[in-house]
Amino acid sequence: MPLHKSYTIAPNTKLLVWKITESLEELSNGTELKDVCQSRIDSMKSEQHRKGFLSVRKLLNEAGYTDFDLFYTEDGKPHLKDGKNISITHSFSFSAIIISDKSIGIDMEIRREKAIKIADKFLDKEFNFLNTADVTDYVRRLIVIWGVKEALYKMFSRKGLSFKQNIDVAPFEMDDTKGTATVSYMEIEGNYPFYFEEIEDFTLVYSIDNN
C-alpha cells in the first residue's frame, strides 16, 4: 500500500500523498464506491485517470473516510459530510488530498519544459522575476507558480476567476519552499500563503486560508 506520506501541516490540517504503483485490480480491491462514482469511473477511457480516481479513495480511507463521505457542490468543489474542507489532486503517478477546518487548495504537477510554451496563458507579473537563464530552474519556478494558481482556484472555486488577471504570485526562493500570492476578484481581496515541495519529478503545492 504505497502511501507516500501523511502528516499534519497545521492545526486540524492533514496532507496525504499516494504514489500509484498498483494495478487497477489492486486499487479496486476493497474500495467501495457510490453508484454515481462507479458510473463515472466506468465511463473513463483512460486507465491512468481511473487509477488516479481510485487512489484518491485510498487516501480517503487512510484519513478515516470513504467515498460515501465525499460529495461535490454544483461548482464542482469537493466537500466532506462532517463539515471539513477537502481539496484533491492527481497527476500521472501521484495523487494527494488535504483536509482541514480552514479553506484549502492543493495541486500537483509534473515538471517538464512543455509548460514554458503555455506560460503566457497563466502568467503576467510573474515574468518580471522569472528571468533565470537556467532552463531547469526556470521550469521549477514556473511549475510552482502554476501549482499555486491551481491550488488557489480550487480553494475559491469561483467561475471567472482568472489565473492571469486575478492571481499574482510574489517573488519567492525555491529553498524557502513557501511564498505568498494575492487574489483579487469580486469580493475576494487578500494575500494567501502557499507551500511547496518537489517529490521525484513532480511539484506539490498547497495553500491555506488564514484570513
Foldseek 3Di string as FASTA:
>chain_A
DAFPDWDAPDVQKIKTKGFADDALVVLPVPADADPVVVVVLVPDPDRQVNSQVSVVQVVCVVVPHHNVQWDADPLRAIDGVVQWHKEWEDDRRMIMMMTGNFQKFKYKDFQDLVLVVCLVQQADVVVVVLPDPDSSVSSVVSQQLVGVLRRVCSSVSDPPQGNYPFKAWDDDDVVVQKGWIFGDDDPGTDIWIKGWDDDVRMIMMMTTDPD
